[in-house]
Protein backbone atom coordinates (compact mmCIF):
# COMPACT_ATOMS: atom_id res chain seq x y z
CA MET A 1 42.35 -31.14 86.41
CA LYS A 2 41.32 -28.82 83.61
CA ALA A 3 39.03 -27.04 86.04
CA LEU A 4 42.01 -26.41 88.43
CA LYS A 5 44.21 -24.98 85.65
CA ALA A 6 41.40 -22.72 84.62
CA LYS A 7 41.11 -21.38 88.20
CA VAL A 8 44.86 -20.82 88.44
CA LEU A 9 44.92 -18.92 85.14
CA MET A 10 41.96 -16.86 86.26
CA ALA A 11 43.70 -15.96 89.55
CA ALA A 12 46.90 -15.00 87.75
CA LEU A 13 44.94 -12.83 85.35
CA VAL A 14 43.17 -11.09 88.21
CA ALA A 15 46.49 -10.55 89.99
CA ALA A 16 48.06 -9.11 86.85
CA VAL A 17 45.13 -6.76 86.37
CA GLY A 18 45.47 -5.64 90.02
CA ILE A 19 49.15 -5.02 89.75
CA PHE A 20 48.60 -3.02 86.55
CA ALA A 21 45.92 -0.96 88.27
CA VAL A 22 48.16 -0.22 91.25
CA ILE A 23 50.99 0.78 88.92
CA SER A 24 48.65 2.91 86.84
CA ASN A 25 47.18 4.61 89.91
CA SER A 26 50.64 5.21 91.32
CA ALA A 27 51.77 6.78 88.08
CA GLU A 28 48.72 9.02 87.91
CA ALA A 29 49.18 10.00 91.56
CA ALA A 30 52.80 10.74 90.99
CA GLU A 31 51.92 12.80 87.94
CA ALA A 32 49.26 14.69 89.89
CA ASP A 33 51.58 15.11 92.84
CA GLY A 34 54.23 16.39 90.44
CA ARG A 35 51.84 19.00 89.15
CA LEU A 36 51.12 20.23 92.76
CA ARG A 37 54.69 20.16 93.99
CA THR A 38 56.66 21.57 91.11
CA PRO A 39 59.77 22.79 92.89
CA THR A 40 60.39 26.56 92.79
CA PRO A 41 63.50 27.17 90.78
CA THR A 42 66.42 28.23 93.01
CA PRO A 43 67.14 31.88 92.23
CA SER A 44 70.54 32.81 91.03
CA PRO A 45 72.59 34.31 93.85
CA THR A 46 72.70 38.10 93.90
CA VAL A 47 76.18 39.32 93.12
CA LYS A 48 77.15 42.42 95.17
CA ALA A 49 79.71 44.82 93.84
CA PRO A 50 82.85 44.59 95.94
CA THR A 51 83.42 47.48 98.42
CA PRO A 52 86.33 49.48 97.10
CA THR A 53 89.39 49.57 99.29
CA PRO A 54 90.16 53.14 100.35
CA ASN A 55 93.11 54.56 98.53
CA PRO A 56 95.23 56.97 100.58
CA ASP A 57 95.67 59.05 97.45
CA ASP A 58 91.89 59.54 97.26
CA ASP A 59 91.53 60.97 100.81
CA VAL A 60 89.99 64.40 101.18
CA ILE A 61 92.66 67.01 101.72
CA ARG A 62 91.79 69.49 104.48
CA VAL A 63 93.63 72.76 104.45
CA GLU A 64 93.75 74.52 107.82
CA ALA A 65 93.71 78.19 106.96
CA GLU A 66 95.05 80.65 109.49
CA LEU A 67 92.52 83.41 110.06
CA VAL A 68 94.20 86.60 111.23
CA ASN A 69 92.01 88.67 113.55
CA LEU A 70 92.50 92.41 113.99
CA ASN A 71 90.89 94.75 116.48
CA VAL A 72 90.98 98.18 114.85
CA ARG A 73 90.23 101.57 116.38
CA VAL A 74 89.55 104.49 114.06
CA VAL A 75 90.11 108.05 115.28
CA ASP A 76 90.18 111.54 113.77
CA ARG A 77 93.00 114.08 113.98
CA ASN A 78 91.90 115.02 117.51
CA ASN A 79 92.01 111.37 118.63
CA ARG A 80 88.23 111.13 118.83
CA THR A 81 86.72 107.75 118.05
CA ILE A 82 84.88 107.25 114.73
CA ASN A 83 82.29 104.46 114.84
CA ASP A 84 80.56 104.60 111.44
CA VAL A 85 83.21 103.48 108.95
CA PRO A 86 81.80 100.93 106.43
CA GLU A 87 83.72 97.80 105.44
CA LYS A 88 84.35 99.08 101.91
CA ASP A 89 86.50 101.93 103.28
CA PHE A 90 88.99 99.50 104.89
CA LYS A 91 92.03 97.96 103.19
CA ILE A 92 94.37 95.46 104.83
CA PHE A 93 97.96 94.97 103.69
CA GLU A 94 100.34 92.27 104.89
CA ASP A 95 103.97 92.83 103.93
CA GLY A 96 102.66 95.30 101.36
CA VAL A 97 100.26 92.81 99.75
CA LEU A 98 96.54 93.66 99.68
CA GLN A 99 94.43 91.06 101.53
CA THR A 100 90.79 90.04 101.11
CA ILE A 101 88.62 90.82 104.13
CA ASP A 102 86.79 87.64 105.14
CA PHE A 103 85.16 88.88 108.34
CA PHE A 104 84.00 92.35 109.40
CA SER A 105 82.01 93.51 112.38
CA ARG A 106 81.61 96.71 114.34
CA SER A 107 79.19 95.32 116.91
CA GLU A 108 79.99 95.47 120.60
CA VAL A 109 81.49 92.22 121.89
CA PRO A 110 82.37 91.02 125.40
CA THR A 111 85.87 91.84 126.63
CA ASN A 112 88.23 89.92 128.87
CA TYR A 113 90.91 92.17 130.31
CA ALA A 114 93.50 92.09 133.07
CA LEU A 115 94.19 95.02 135.36
CA VAL A 116 97.97 94.87 135.85
CA LEU A 117 98.84 97.21 138.70
CA ASP A 118 102.27 98.36 139.85
CA ASN A 119 102.43 98.23 143.66
CA SER A 120 106.09 99.15 144.01
CA GLY A 121 107.24 101.95 146.33
CA SER A 122 107.27 104.60 143.64
CA MET A 123 103.49 104.23 143.27
CA ARG A 124 102.75 104.95 146.94
CA ALA A 125 101.30 108.43 146.37
CA GLN A 126 99.03 107.23 143.53
CA LEU A 127 97.68 104.00 145.06
CA ASP A 128 94.35 105.37 146.31
CA LYS A 129 93.57 106.95 142.94
CA VAL A 130 94.70 103.83 141.08
CA ILE A 131 92.21 101.80 143.13
CA GLU A 132 89.48 104.36 142.43
CA ALA A 133 90.20 104.30 138.70
CA GLY A 134 90.13 100.49 138.72
CA LYS A 135 86.70 100.54 140.31
CA ILE A 136 85.42 103.02 137.72
CA LEU A 137 86.68 100.75 134.94
CA ILE A 138 85.09 97.67 136.53
CA ASP A 139 81.82 99.52 137.06
CA LYS A 140 81.65 100.03 133.28
CA ASN A 141 81.86 96.26 132.67
CA LYS A 142 79.02 94.70 130.71
CA PRO A 143 77.36 91.55 132.16
CA GLU A 144 79.53 89.20 130.03
CA ASP A 145 82.83 91.06 130.51
CA GLU A 146 85.40 89.25 132.63
CA THR A 147 88.27 90.87 134.52
CA GLU A 148 91.25 89.67 136.50
CA ILE A 149 93.55 91.67 138.78
CA VAL A 150 97.32 91.20 138.68
CA ARG A 151 99.57 92.87 141.27
CA PHE A 152 103.31 93.20 140.73
CA ILE A 153 106.45 94.57 142.28
CA GLY A 154 109.60 92.64 141.35
CA ARG A 155 110.05 89.47 139.30
CA ASP A 156 109.41 87.37 142.43
CA LYS A 157 106.22 89.22 143.35
CA ILE A 158 103.76 88.94 140.46
CA THR A 159 100.46 87.56 141.69
CA ILE A 160 96.89 87.10 140.46
CA GLU A 161 94.88 88.75 143.20
CA GLN A 162 91.57 87.89 141.54
CA PRO A 163 91.15 85.36 138.69
CA PHE A 164 88.84 86.18 135.78
CA THR A 165 85.31 86.84 136.95
CA THR A 166 82.19 88.83 136.13
CA ASN A 167 81.55 89.47 139.83
CA LYS A 168 82.17 93.17 140.39
CA GLN A 169 82.09 92.90 144.17
CA ASP A 170 84.89 90.33 144.21
CA LEU A 171 86.96 92.56 141.92
CA ASN A 172 86.40 95.64 144.08
CA ASP A 173 87.31 93.71 147.22
CA SER A 174 90.59 92.66 145.60
CA LEU A 175 91.36 96.26 144.71
CA ASP A 176 90.74 97.33 148.32
CA ASN A 177 93.29 94.75 149.48
CA LEU A 178 96.17 96.15 147.40
CA PHE A 179 99.19 97.56 149.24
CA ILE A 180 102.61 99.00 148.45
CA GLU A 181 105.84 97.05 148.86
CA GLY A 182 109.47 97.79 148.24
CA GLY A 183 111.25 96.03 145.39
CA GLN A 184 112.84 96.37 141.97
CA THR A 185 109.99 96.98 139.50
CA ALA A 186 109.58 94.25 136.84
CA ILE A 187 107.17 95.71 134.29
CA ILE A 188 108.18 93.48 131.38
CA ASP A 189 107.78 90.31 133.43
CA ALA A 190 104.35 91.39 134.71
CA VAL A 191 103.07 92.21 131.22
CA TYR A 192 104.62 89.06 129.71
CA LEU A 193 102.97 86.76 132.26
CA ALA A 194 99.66 88.63 132.06
CA VAL A 195 99.55 88.30 128.25
CA GLU A 196 100.26 84.57 128.51
CA ASN A 197 97.55 84.19 131.13
CA VAL A 198 94.92 86.10 129.13
CA ASP A 199 95.70 84.03 126.03
CA LYS A 200 95.58 80.78 127.99
CA TYR A 201 92.24 81.70 129.51
CA GLU A 202 90.81 82.52 126.08
CA GLN A 203 92.06 79.23 124.62
CA SER A 204 90.09 77.33 127.26
CA LYS A 205 86.87 78.63 125.74
CA LYS A 206 85.01 77.43 122.68
CA ILE A 207 86.25 78.84 119.39
CA ASP A 208 82.99 80.70 118.80
CA ASP A 209 83.09 82.19 122.30
CA ARG A 210 86.32 84.11 121.83
CA ARG A 211 86.25 87.67 123.12
CA ARG A 212 88.24 90.85 122.78
CA ARG A 213 91.41 90.58 124.90
CA ALA A 214 93.20 93.43 126.64
CA ILE A 215 95.47 94.50 129.47
CA VAL A 216 95.24 97.78 131.36
CA LEU A 217 98.71 98.48 132.77
CA VAL A 218 99.19 101.11 135.48
CA THR A 219 102.82 101.84 136.33
CA ASP A 220 105.51 104.49 136.75
CA GLY A 221 107.14 103.22 133.56
CA GLU A 222 110.65 102.31 134.71
CA ASP A 223 111.63 98.64 134.50
CA ARG A 224 114.46 97.77 136.88
CA ASP A 225 114.76 94.00 137.20
CA SER A 226 112.79 91.88 134.70
CA TYR A 227 113.81 88.36 133.75
CA TYR A 228 112.46 88.76 130.20
CA ASN A 229 113.80 91.47 127.90
CA GLU A 230 111.87 93.86 125.69
CA LYS A 231 112.49 91.87 122.50
CA GLN A 232 110.99 88.75 124.06
CA LEU A 233 107.94 90.74 125.12
CA MET A 234 107.50 92.23 121.65
CA ASP A 235 107.81 88.79 120.07
CA LEU A 236 105.05 87.54 122.37
CA LEU A 237 102.79 90.48 121.50
CA ARG A 238 103.18 89.69 117.82
CA GLU A 239 101.84 86.18 118.45
CA SER A 240 98.97 87.41 120.59
CA GLU A 241 95.76 89.35 120.05
CA VAL A 242 95.99 91.13 123.41
CA GLN A 243 95.79 94.93 123.27
CA ILE A 244 97.61 96.90 125.96
CA TYR A 245 96.33 100.18 127.38
CA VAL A 246 98.94 101.98 129.47
CA VAL A 247 98.47 104.54 132.21
CA GLY A 248 101.94 105.87 132.94
CA PHE A 249 102.83 108.02 135.96
CA LEU A 250 106.16 109.49 134.93
CA GLY A 251 106.20 112.57 137.16
CA ASP A 252 108.71 111.21 139.67
CA LEU A 253 111.23 110.16 137.01
CA SER A 254 114.11 112.46 136.26
CA LYS A 255 113.93 114.72 133.21
CA GLU A 256 117.70 115.03 133.09
CA GLY A 257 119.42 112.98 130.42
CA GLY A 258 123.05 112.21 129.71
CA PHE A 259 125.24 113.75 127.05
CA ILE A 260 123.96 111.37 124.37
CA GLY A 261 121.31 109.40 126.24
CA LYS A 262 117.66 110.09 126.97
CA SER A 263 116.42 110.95 130.43
CA PRO A 264 114.81 108.22 132.57
CA ARG A 265 111.44 109.87 131.91
CA GLU A 266 111.92 109.92 128.14
CA LYS A 267 113.08 106.29 128.15
CA ALA A 268 110.12 105.15 130.22
CA LYS A 269 107.63 107.03 128.04
CA ALA A 270 109.12 105.64 124.82
CA PHE A 271 109.14 102.12 126.26
CA LEU A 272 105.47 102.23 127.31
CA GLN A 273 104.55 103.74 123.96
CA ARG A 274 106.24 100.87 122.11
CA ILE A 275 104.27 98.31 124.11
CA ALA A 276 100.97 100.00 123.31
CA ASP A 277 101.83 100.57 119.64
CA GLU A 278 102.94 96.98 119.06
CA SER A 279 99.67 95.63 120.46
CA GLY A 280 97.34 98.22 118.89
CA GLY A 281 96.54 99.74 122.26
CA LYS A 282 96.89 103.25 123.62
CA THR A 283 98.88 105.25 126.19
CA TYR A 284 97.76 107.82 128.74
CA PHE A 285 100.22 109.94 130.70
CA PRO A 286 98.23 111.87 133.31
CA ALA A 287 99.83 114.92 134.85
CA ASP A 288 97.78 114.39 137.98
CA VAL A 289 95.94 111.47 139.58
CA SER A 290 92.70 113.47 139.34
CA GLU A 291 92.67 112.63 135.60
CA LEU A 292 92.33 108.92 136.28
CA SER A 293 88.54 108.94 136.46
CA ASP A 294 88.18 110.32 132.92
CA ILE A 295 90.94 108.02 131.65
CA ALA A 296 89.13 104.97 133.03
CA LYS A 297 85.97 106.01 131.18
CA GLN A 298 87.93 106.54 127.97
CA ILE A 299 89.56 103.11 128.19
CA SER A 300 86.19 101.48 128.80
CA GLY A 301 84.85 103.15 125.67
CA GLU A 302 87.95 102.25 123.64
CA LEU A 303 87.58 98.57 124.52
CA ARG A 304 84.07 98.45 123.11
CA THR A 305 84.09 100.78 120.10
CA GLN A 306 86.34 98.85 117.75
CA TYR A 307 86.08 97.07 114.43
CA SER A 308 86.76 93.34 114.27
CA ILE A 309 88.36 92.42 110.95
CA GLY A 310 89.58 89.00 109.81
CA TYR A 311 91.46 87.81 106.76
CA ILE A 312 93.12 84.62 105.51
CA PRO A 313 96.65 85.70 104.52
CA THR A 314 97.81 85.15 100.96
CA ASN A 315 101.19 84.13 102.38
CA ASP A 316 100.27 80.93 104.19
CA ARG A 317 103.81 79.68 104.78
CA LYS A 318 104.31 78.46 108.34
CA ASP A 319 107.85 79.72 108.66
CA GLY A 320 107.63 81.49 112.03
CA LYS A 321 108.57 84.86 110.48
CA PHE A 322 107.21 88.31 111.21
CA ARG A 323 104.58 89.80 108.89
CA ALA A 324 104.03 93.57 108.92
CA ILE A 325 100.35 94.59 108.95
CA LYS A 326 99.03 97.92 107.73
CA VAL A 327 95.40 99.05 107.77
CA VAL A 328 94.32 101.89 105.52
CA VAL A 329 90.99 103.72 105.88
CA ALA A 330 89.64 106.08 103.23
CA ASP A 331 88.94 109.66 104.23
CA GLY A 332 85.42 110.41 105.39
CA PRO A 333 82.87 113.00 104.25
CA ASN A 334 84.26 116.49 103.65
CA GLY A 335 87.79 115.13 103.67
CA GLN A 336 87.64 113.94 107.29
CA LYS A 337 90.92 112.21 108.15
CA ARG A 338 90.29 108.74 109.57
CA ILE A 339 93.27 107.12 111.27
CA PRO A 340 93.23 103.35 111.97
CA VAL A 341 95.04 101.97 115.02
CA THR A 342 95.85 98.26 115.31
CA ARG A 343 98.75 95.94 116.03
CA ALA A 344 101.91 96.38 113.99
CA GLY A 345 102.09 92.83 112.70
CA ARG A 346 102.04 89.15 113.50
CA THR A 347 104.39 86.21 113.72
CA ALA A 348 103.39 83.35 111.42
CA ASP A 349 102.91 79.87 112.81
CA ASN A 350 105.92 77.61 112.76
CA GLU A 351 105.15 74.25 111.14
CA ASN A 352 107.87 72.47 113.11
CA GLY A 353 107.01 74.16 116.40
CA PRO A 354 109.52 75.44 118.90
CA PRO A 355 112.64 73.39 119.65
CA SER A 356 112.70 71.31 122.79
CA LEU A 357 115.42 69.60 124.79
CA ALA A 358 115.65 65.82 124.64
CA LYS A 359 115.87 63.94 127.92
CA PRO A 360 119.45 63.16 128.92
CA VAL A 361 120.70 59.64 128.34
CA ASN A 362 122.11 57.87 131.39
CA THR A 363 125.31 56.61 129.78
CA THR A 364 126.49 54.91 132.95
CA ASN A 365 123.81 52.24 132.61
CA LEU A 366 124.27 51.53 128.91
CA PRO A 367 125.53 47.99 128.11
CA LYS A 368 129.13 47.81 127.00
CA ASN A 369 130.06 46.10 123.74
């Protein structure tokens, strides 16, 4: 019996020692495992600064400045072109206020011009020479120059015979196809539509591809039946940069005037002169068609020997009002008189734009109260 108790006690002791060893080993393993697997501390989350909400008051303000472009010819007292005037000798005034010149160039630039040719009955005797002069002018075109041909008689017969092109053969073929017709001459309408067309064609190009714009008008000078009036034409010229060169055949118009009125010839000459002056162009009144060849050469030279001057006006109000422009050029060496020729002024942009008619309301279909 004593021997059995001793065995039981011995077994319990062994079991206790085993349990203690297991616990001890487990603790050491856990401690070792803890040393190997110490968790990496979770980093604090990065706090990003909030994206500021755009404030309308903080938007960049863009000011669209209106650059006024002038094509300026400079001549001496004998109307000979002067091509060596430096920028410092130019002054630009708008409504009497001196402006700062922002752009100046006297380099030759491409020209887009329309030949606007009177084919009414009064031009019958001059037609062959007019065609010849047109061909001389076209022959002087530079590779990048573009020309269109406009034929007119009355207000219902104003046609583009050849759209703008650099192809001289196509232009010459169109000139050869011109013919005389009877009708009431509409000079104002022809010039008005040609100016609009030249401007529209220029606006279709890239802003940095703009060219010098002009019209060469050949006519007998007497307007008989235009839809537009002279004031409307002058208003359009003030909004445009198109220069008008006029070749006026006034020989068949009467020199006899009334008691207080000018003669038809004097009226026609003054009218054509006003068109040229308003646009900064020039007039030619040949006594004979044989002069046309030299005139064509002069016009070609005039189109290319000009100064391009630009300024941002100090008066930037968009009120649609007329601004008078005056260019002053200092005298040259030895007191040489230098006379600038450019357009008389400009019409400012109108912020509200032109008025337009609203569509009519069909009152018959409105619901009744």
